[in-house]
Protein backbone atom coordinates (compact mmCIF):
# COMPACT_ATOMS: atom_id res chain seq x y z
CA MET A 1 -23.85 12.96 -12.07
CA SER A 2 -25.11 15.93 -14.00
CA GLU A 3 -23.20 17.33 -16.93
CA ILE A 4 -22.31 20.52 -15.04
CA ALA A 5 -20.98 18.57 -12.06
CA ALA A 6 -18.93 16.41 -14.43
CA LEU A 7 -17.51 19.53 -16.10
CA ILE A 8 -16.59 21.04 -12.75
CA ARG A 9 -14.91 17.78 -11.74
CA GLN A 10 -12.96 17.68 -15.02
CA LEU A 11 -11.98 21.34 -14.59
CA ARG A 12 -10.55 20.56 -11.15
CA ILE A 13 -8.69 17.47 -12.33
CA LYS A 14 -7.28 18.96 -15.53
CA SER A 15 -6.43 22.26 -13.88
CA GLY A 16 -4.65 20.53 -11.00
CA ALA A 17 -2.62 18.36 -13.37
CA ALA A 18 -1.64 21.30 -15.57
CA LYS A 19 -0.65 23.43 -12.58
CA ARG A 20 1.41 20.60 -11.08
CA LEU A 21 3.25 20.05 -14.35
CA TRP A 22 3.81 23.80 -14.73
CA LYS A 23 5.39 23.90 -11.28
CA GLU A 24 7.41 20.74 -11.96
CA ASN A 25 8.71 22.17 -15.24
CA THR A 26 9.69 25.42 -13.55
CA LEU A 27 11.59 23.54 -10.85
CA TYR A 28 13.44 21.38 -13.40
CA ARG A 29 14.39 24.48 -15.40
CA LYS A 30 15.79 26.11 -12.26
CA ASP A 31 17.56 22.89 -11.30
CA THR A 32 19.15 22.67 -14.76
CA VAL A 33 20.51 26.20 -14.49
CA ASP A 34 21.85 25.55 -10.99
CA LEU A 35 23.51 22.29 -12.03
CA GLN A 36 25.06 23.93 -15.09
CA LEU A 37 26.49 26.71 -12.91
CA LYS A 38 27.88 24.11 -10.54
CA LEU A 39 29.44 22.21 -13.47
CA ASP A 40 30.97 25.41 -14.86
CA LYS A 41 32.46 26.18 -11.45
CA MET A 42 33.88 22.65 -11.20
CA ILE A 43 35.49 23.02 -14.63
CA ALA A 44 36.97 26.39 -13.68
CA ASP A 45 38.33 24.94 -10.43
CA GLY A 46 39.91 22.00 -12.25
CA ALA A 47 37.86 19.22 -10.68
CA GLU A 48 38.62 15.56 -11.33
CA GLU A 49 37.26 13.99 -14.52
CA TRP A 50 35.08 11.55 -12.58
CA ASP A 51 33.35 14.43 -10.76
CA LEU A 52 32.90 16.33 -14.03
CA LYS A 53 31.41 13.25 -15.69
CA ASN A 54 28.85 12.86 -12.92
CA ALA A 55 28.03 16.56 -12.96
CA ARG A 56 27.49 16.44 -16.74
CA ARG A 57 25.25 13.41 -16.33
CA LEU A 58 23.13 15.29 -13.78
CA VAL A 59 22.81 18.28 -16.13
CA GLU A 60 21.76 15.98 -19.01
CA GLU A 61 19.19 14.17 -16.86
CA SER A 62 17.76 17.47 -15.70
CA GLN A 63 17.54 18.71 -19.30
CA LYS A 64 15.70 15.52 -20.27
CA MET A 65 13.23 16.12 -17.45
CA VAL A 66 12.63 19.67 -18.69
CA ILE A 67 11.75 18.28 -22.11
CA ASP A 68 9.58 15.53 -20.64
CA THR A 69 7.63 17.85 -18.36
CA SER A 70 7.22 20.37 -21.20
CA VAL A 71 5.62 17.73 -23.39
CA ARG A 72 3.36 16.46 -20.61
CA MET A 73 2.46 20.02 -19.59
CA GLY A 74 1.57 20.90 -23.17
CA ARG A 75 -0.72 17.89 -23.35
CA ALA A 76 -2.32 18.74 -20.00
CA VAL A 77 -2.86 22.39 -20.98
CA GLY A 78 -4.45 21.25 -24.25
CA GLU A 79 -6.83 18.95 -22.40
CA LEU A 80 -7.67 21.73 -19.94
CA ARG A 81 -8.32 24.11 -22.83
CA ASP A 82 -10.76 21.60 -24.34
CA VAL A 83 -12.66 21.30 -21.06
CA VAL A 84 -12.73 25.10 -20.61
CA ILE A 85 -14.10 25.54 -24.13
CA LYS A 86 -16.80 23.00 -23.40
CA ALA A 87 -17.54 24.68 -20.05
CA ARG A 88 -18.00 28.07 -21.73
CA THR A 89 -21.17 26.71 -23.32
CA GLU A 90 -22.71 26.33 -19.86
CA PRO A 91 -24.00 29.71 -18.62
CA LEU A 92 -24.21 28.39 -15.04
CA LEU A 93 -20.42 28.00 -14.91
CA ALA A 94 -19.64 31.61 -15.82
CA GLU A 95 -19.11 32.54 -12.15
CA ASP A 96 -17.78 29.20 -10.88
CA ASN A 97 -14.44 29.51 -9.07
CA ASP A 98 -13.00 26.37 -10.67
CA PHE A 99 -13.90 27.64 -14.13
CA LEU A 100 -12.46 31.11 -13.48
CA SER A 101 -9.31 29.59 -12.00
CA ALA A 102 -8.85 27.32 -15.02
CA GLU A 103 -9.29 30.24 -17.42
CA ALA A 104 -6.80 32.34 -15.45
CA PHE A 105 -4.26 29.52 -15.55
CA LEU A 106 -4.71 29.12 -19.31
CA GLU A 107 -3.99 32.82 -19.76
CA GLU A 108 -0.86 32.49 -17.60
CA ALA A 109 0.28 29.37 -19.46
CA ALA A 110 -0.12 31.15 -22.79
CA LEU A 111 2.55 33.68 -21.82
């Protein structure tokens, strides 16, 4: 496999992983907010302690998943950045869709 083909393959793999983790992190963040709102409503309605305990546990687990996916996403974005930097040295990749997509995602992830 040529070096350019290997770079394109790595761009696809790293970009896919970073995008998946980005989406996963976004979903866990939304889930955490929704669960916290549900817990707050249960507290306001005077729900039973057992139900509150379970709702708190769900919120905590969701918060842990946000942290976990953030760490994994940061690692994946870093690896993608390394591959993109290496790919920039190849003039043949300047117009490649996978390369352009990876660069666009890195710009979005930086925000």
